[in-house]
């Protein structure tokens, strides 16, 4: 019989796969949030990512992986005219702003 710990672990793994998945164009949830040009959506997505406690390799891939055209979230943000991405999500903000400024 499986305990609640097993159920939680399985659900957490499924949630991580969902956050790390990409669409047919190779775009992540961060690409999609940027494309919508709504800071509140981007903030919500980054907050969900932070709260998901992703492994650091998954987080790095999510923020730096290019889509099928080679656009990382940073490239897409610049292409769409985002001036500066300032998302108030505690320590996670520093990671993403570091990518944007770099």
N, C-alpha and C. Protein backbone atom coordinates (compact mmCIF):
# COMPACT_ATOMS: atom_id res chain seq x y z
N UNK A 1 0.84 -1.18 0.00
CA UNK A 1 0.00 0.00 0.00
C UNK A 1 0.89 1.25 0.00
N UNK A 2 0.51 2.19 -0.77
CA UNK A 2 1.29 3.42 -0.87
C UNK A 2 0.80 4.43 0.16
N UNK A 3 1.75 5.11 0.76
CA UNK A 3 1.41 6.13 1.73
C UNK A 3 1.24 7.48 1.08
N UNK A 4 0.82 8.42 1.88
CA UNK A 4 0.64 9.79 1.38
C UNK A 4 1.95 10.38 0.89
N UNK A 5 3.06 9.98 1.48
CA UNK A 5 4.37 10.47 1.03
C UNK A 5 4.64 10.08 -0.41
N UNK A 6 4.28 8.86 -0.79
CA UNK A 6 4.45 8.41 -2.18
C UNK A 6 3.56 9.20 -3.13
N UNK A 7 2.32 9.44 -2.71
CA UNK A 7 1.38 10.21 -3.53
C UNK A 7 1.91 11.62 -3.74
N UNK A 8 2.37 12.25 -2.65
CA UNK A 8 2.91 13.61 -2.74
C UNK A 8 4.13 13.65 -3.66
N UNK A 9 5.01 12.68 -3.50
CA UNK A 9 6.22 12.64 -4.34
C UNK A 9 5.86 12.51 -5.81
N UNK A 10 4.90 11.65 -6.12
CA UNK A 10 4.47 11.46 -7.51
C UNK A 10 3.84 12.74 -8.07
N UNK A 11 3.00 13.40 -7.26
CA UNK A 11 2.37 14.64 -7.71
C UNK A 11 3.40 15.74 -7.92
N UNK A 12 4.38 15.82 -7.04
CA UNK A 12 5.44 16.82 -7.17
C UNK A 12 6.24 16.59 -8.45
N UNK A 13 6.54 15.33 -8.76
CA UNK A 13 7.27 15.00 -9.98
C UNK A 13 6.46 15.39 -11.22
N UNK A 14 5.15 15.15 -11.19
CA UNK A 14 4.29 15.51 -12.32
C UNK A 14 4.24 17.03 -12.48
N UNK A 15 4.18 17.75 -11.36
CA UNK A 15 4.16 19.21 -11.40
C UNK A 15 5.47 19.74 -11.97
N UNK A 16 6.59 19.17 -11.56
CA UNK A 16 7.89 19.57 -12.10
C UNK A 16 7.94 19.33 -13.61
N UNK A 17 7.46 18.17 -14.06
CA UNK A 17 7.45 17.88 -15.50
C UNK A 17 6.60 18.90 -16.25
N UNK A 18 5.47 19.28 -15.66
CA UNK A 18 4.61 20.28 -16.29
C UNK A 18 5.33 21.62 -16.41
N UNK A 19 5.97 22.07 -15.33
CA UNK A 19 6.68 23.35 -15.36
C UNK A 19 7.85 23.34 -16.33
N UNK A 20 8.49 22.18 -16.48
CA UNK A 20 9.67 22.09 -17.33
C UNK A 20 9.35 21.69 -18.77
N UNK A 21 8.09 21.45 -19.08
CA UNK A 21 7.73 21.02 -20.43
C UNK A 21 7.81 22.18 -21.41
N UNK A 22 7.91 21.84 -22.67
CA UNK A 22 7.94 22.83 -23.74
C UNK A 22 6.88 22.47 -24.77
N UNK A 23 6.45 23.48 -25.54
CA UNK A 23 5.46 23.23 -26.57
C UNK A 23 6.14 22.78 -27.87
N UNK A 24 5.37 22.67 -28.93
CA UNK A 24 5.91 22.20 -30.21
C UNK A 24 6.98 23.13 -30.76
N UNK A 25 7.00 24.38 -30.31
CA UNK A 25 8.01 25.35 -30.76
C UNK A 25 9.21 25.41 -29.82
N UNK A 26 9.24 24.52 -28.83
CA UNK A 26 10.35 24.50 -27.88
C UNK A 26 10.27 25.59 -26.83
N UNK A 27 9.11 26.21 -26.70
CA UNK A 27 8.95 27.31 -25.74
C UNK A 27 8.47 26.80 -24.40
N UNK A 28 9.06 27.37 -23.36
CA UNK A 28 8.73 27.00 -21.98
C UNK A 28 7.61 27.88 -21.45
N UNK A 29 7.22 27.61 -20.22
CA UNK A 29 6.21 28.41 -19.56
C UNK A 29 6.70 29.86 -19.38
N UNK A 30 8.00 30.05 -19.24
CA UNK A 30 8.55 31.40 -19.11
C UNK A 30 8.45 32.13 -20.45
N UNK A 31 8.77 31.45 -21.55
CA UNK A 31 8.58 32.04 -22.88
C UNK A 31 7.13 32.50 -23.05
N UNK A 32 6.20 31.63 -22.67
CA UNK A 32 4.78 31.94 -22.84
C UNK A 32 4.38 33.15 -22.00
N UNK A 33 4.84 33.19 -20.76
CA UNK A 33 4.51 34.33 -19.89
C UNK A 33 5.05 35.63 -20.46
N UNK A 34 6.26 35.61 -21.00
CA UNK A 34 6.83 36.80 -21.61
C UNK A 34 6.04 37.23 -22.84
N UNK A 35 5.65 36.26 -23.64
CA UNK A 35 4.90 36.53 -24.88
C UNK A 35 3.59 37.26 -24.58
N UNK A 36 3.01 36.99 -23.42
CA UNK A 36 1.74 37.62 -23.05
C UNK A 36 1.90 39.09 -22.65
N UNK A 37 3.13 39.54 -22.44
CA UNK A 37 3.44 40.95 -22.15
C UNK A 37 2.68 41.50 -20.95
N UNK A 38 2.47 40.65 -19.95
CA UNK A 38 1.75 41.07 -18.75
C UNK A 38 2.62 40.75 -17.54
N UNK A 39 3.18 41.78 -16.88
CA UNK A 39 4.06 41.53 -15.74
C UNK A 39 3.42 40.69 -14.65
N UNK A 40 2.11 40.79 -14.45
CA UNK A 40 1.48 40.01 -13.40
C UNK A 40 1.49 38.52 -13.74
N UNK A 41 1.36 38.18 -15.02
CA UNK A 41 1.43 36.77 -15.43
C UNK A 41 2.85 36.25 -15.24
N UNK A 42 3.83 37.04 -15.65
CA UNK A 42 5.22 36.63 -15.47
C UNK A 42 5.53 36.45 -13.99
N UNK A 43 5.07 37.35 -13.17
CA UNK A 43 5.30 37.26 -11.74
C UNK A 43 4.67 35.98 -11.17
N UNK A 44 3.46 35.67 -11.61
CA UNK A 44 2.78 34.45 -11.13
C UNK A 44 3.54 33.20 -11.56
N UNK A 45 4.01 33.18 -12.81
CA UNK A 45 4.76 32.02 -13.31
C UNK A 45 6.06 31.85 -12.54
N UNK A 46 6.80 32.94 -12.35
CA UNK A 46 8.05 32.84 -11.62
C UNK A 46 7.81 32.45 -10.17
N UNK A 47 6.72 32.93 -9.59
CA UNK A 47 6.37 32.53 -8.23
C UNK A 47 6.06 31.05 -8.14
N UNK A 48 5.33 30.53 -9.12
CA UNK A 48 5.01 29.10 -9.14
C UNK A 48 6.28 28.27 -9.28
N UNK A 49 7.18 28.74 -10.12
CA UNK A 49 8.45 28.03 -10.32
C UNK A 49 9.25 28.02 -9.02
N UNK A 50 9.31 29.17 -8.37
CA UNK A 50 10.04 29.27 -7.10
C UNK A 50 9.42 28.33 -6.06
N UNK A 51 8.11 28.35 -5.96
CA UNK A 51 7.42 27.54 -4.96
C UNK A 51 7.49 26.05 -5.24
N UNK A 52 7.77 25.68 -6.48
CA UNK A 52 7.83 24.27 -6.86
C UNK A 52 9.10 23.60 -6.37
N UNK A 53 10.06 24.38 -5.92
CA UNK A 53 11.32 23.82 -5.42
C UNK A 53 11.96 22.89 -6.46
N UNK A 54 12.12 23.43 -7.67
CA UNK A 54 12.73 22.66 -8.75
C UNK A 54 14.20 22.38 -8.47
N UNK A 55 14.71 21.26 -8.94
CA UNK A 55 16.16 21.04 -8.85
C UNK A 55 16.87 22.17 -9.60
N UNK A 56 18.04 22.56 -9.14
CA UNK A 56 18.73 23.71 -9.74
C UNK A 56 19.00 23.52 -11.23
N UNK A 57 19.28 22.30 -11.66
CA UNK A 57 19.52 22.07 -13.09
C UNK A 57 18.25 22.34 -13.89
N UNK A 58 17.11 21.97 -13.36
CA UNK A 58 15.84 22.23 -14.03
C UNK A 58 15.55 23.71 -14.11
N UNK A 59 15.82 24.42 -13.03
CA UNK A 59 15.61 25.85 -13.01
C UNK A 59 16.51 26.55 -14.01
N UNK A 60 17.77 26.17 -14.05
CA UNK A 60 18.70 26.78 -14.99
C UNK A 60 18.27 26.52 -16.43
N UNK A 61 17.85 25.30 -16.73
CA UNK A 61 17.39 24.98 -18.08
C UNK A 61 16.15 25.77 -18.45
N UNK A 62 15.26 25.92 -17.50
CA UNK A 62 14.02 26.64 -17.75
C UNK A 62 14.28 28.09 -18.13
N UNK A 63 15.26 28.70 -17.49
CA UNK A 63 15.53 30.12 -17.72
C UNK A 63 16.51 30.40 -18.84
N UNK A 64 17.28 29.39 -19.26
CA UNK A 64 18.31 29.65 -20.25
C UNK A 64 18.14 28.86 -21.55
N UNK A 65 17.21 27.94 -21.60
CA UNK A 65 17.05 27.11 -22.80
C UNK A 65 16.40 27.90 -23.92
N UNK A 66 16.92 27.72 -25.12
CA UNK A 66 16.35 28.38 -26.29
C UNK A 66 15.21 27.57 -26.88
N UNK A 67 14.32 28.26 -27.56
CA UNK A 67 13.24 27.57 -28.26
C UNK A 67 13.76 27.04 -29.60
N UNK A 68 12.89 26.61 -30.48
CA UNK A 68 13.32 26.05 -31.76
C UNK A 68 14.05 27.06 -32.65
N UNK A 69 13.90 28.35 -32.33
CA UNK A 69 14.58 29.40 -33.10
C UNK A 69 15.80 29.93 -32.35
N UNK A 70 16.11 29.30 -31.21
CA UNK A 70 17.27 29.71 -30.44
C UNK A 70 17.01 30.83 -29.45
N UNK A 71 15.77 31.29 -29.33
CA UNK A 71 15.46 32.38 -28.41
C UNK A 71 15.32 31.87 -26.98
N UNK A 72 16.16 32.36 -26.10
CA UNK A 72 16.01 32.09 -24.67
C UNK A 72 14.96 33.06 -24.15
N UNK A 73 14.50 32.89 -22.91
CA UNK A 73 13.59 33.90 -22.36
C UNK A 73 14.18 35.31 -22.42
N UNK A 74 15.48 35.44 -22.22
CA UNK A 74 16.14 36.75 -22.33
C UNK A 74 16.01 37.31 -23.74
N UNK A 75 16.31 36.51 -24.74
CA UNK A 75 16.18 36.97 -26.12
C UNK A 75 14.75 37.41 -26.42
N UNK A 76 13.79 36.59 -25.99
CA UNK A 76 12.39 36.90 -26.25
C UNK A 76 12.00 38.20 -25.55
N UNK A 77 12.45 38.39 -24.32
CA UNK A 77 12.13 39.62 -23.59
C UNK A 77 12.65 40.84 -24.35
N UNK A 78 13.88 40.76 -24.84
CA UNK A 78 14.46 41.87 -25.60
C UNK A 78 13.70 42.09 -26.90
N UNK A 79 13.38 41.00 -27.60
CA UNK A 79 12.67 41.10 -28.87
C UNK A 79 11.29 41.75 -28.70
N UNK A 80 10.64 41.45 -27.58
CA UNK A 80 9.30 41.96 -27.33
C UNK A 80 9.29 43.36 -26.72
N UNK A 81 10.49 43.89 -26.44
CA UNK A 81 10.56 45.26 -25.94
C UNK A 81 10.43 45.41 -24.44
N UNK A 82 10.59 44.33 -23.69
CA UNK A 82 10.60 44.48 -22.23
C UNK A 82 11.80 45.35 -21.89
N UNK A 83 11.61 46.41 -21.14
CA UNK A 83 12.73 47.26 -20.74
C UNK A 83 13.61 46.52 -19.74
N UNK A 84 13.08 46.27 -18.59
CA UNK A 84 13.78 45.51 -17.55
C UNK A 84 12.75 44.64 -16.87
N UNK A 85 13.08 43.40 -16.70
CA UNK A 85 12.19 42.50 -15.99
C UNK A 85 12.48 42.60 -14.50
N UNK A 86 11.58 43.25 -13.79
CA UNK A 86 11.70 43.33 -12.34
C UNK A 86 10.48 42.63 -11.78
N UNK A 87 10.70 41.45 -11.30
CA UNK A 87 9.61 40.65 -10.78
C UNK A 87 9.88 40.42 -9.30
N UNK A 88 8.97 40.86 -8.48
CA UNK A 88 9.15 40.77 -7.03
C UNK A 88 8.84 39.36 -6.54
N UNK A 89 9.82 38.50 -6.63
CA UNK A 89 9.65 37.13 -6.17
C UNK A 89 10.85 36.76 -5.31
N UNK A 90 11.09 37.54 -4.28
CA UNK A 90 12.15 37.33 -3.31
C UNK A 90 13.49 37.01 -3.97
N UNK A 91 14.19 35.98 -3.50
CA UNK A 91 15.53 35.69 -4.01
C UNK A 91 15.52 35.26 -5.46
N UNK A 92 14.40 34.75 -5.93
CA UNK A 92 14.29 34.31 -7.31
C UNK A 92 14.45 35.49 -8.27
N UNK A 93 14.03 36.66 -7.83
CA UNK A 93 14.16 37.87 -8.64
C UNK A 93 15.61 38.08 -9.07
N UNK A 94 16.54 37.87 -8.18
CA UNK A 94 17.94 38.09 -8.48
C UNK A 94 18.44 37.17 -9.58
N UNK A 95 17.98 35.94 -9.58
CA UNK A 95 18.38 34.98 -10.61
C UNK A 95 17.91 35.47 -11.97
N UNK A 96 16.64 35.82 -12.07
CA UNK A 96 16.10 36.18 -13.37
C UNK A 96 16.62 37.53 -13.85
N UNK A 97 16.71 38.51 -12.95
CA UNK A 97 17.25 39.81 -13.35
C UNK A 97 18.70 39.65 -13.79
N UNK A 98 19.45 38.78 -13.11
CA UNK A 98 20.83 38.52 -13.51
C UNK A 98 20.90 38.03 -14.94
N UNK A 99 19.98 37.19 -15.34
CA UNK A 99 19.95 36.70 -16.71
C UNK A 99 19.60 37.82 -17.68
N UNK A 100 18.69 38.68 -17.27
CA UNK A 100 18.25 39.75 -18.15
C UNK A 100 19.33 40.79 -18.34
N UNK A 101 20.03 41.12 -17.29
CA UNK A 101 21.06 42.16 -17.37
C UNK A 101 22.32 41.65 -18.06
N UNK A 102 22.62 40.37 -17.86
CA UNK A 102 23.88 39.81 -18.39
C UNK A 102 23.98 39.92 -19.89
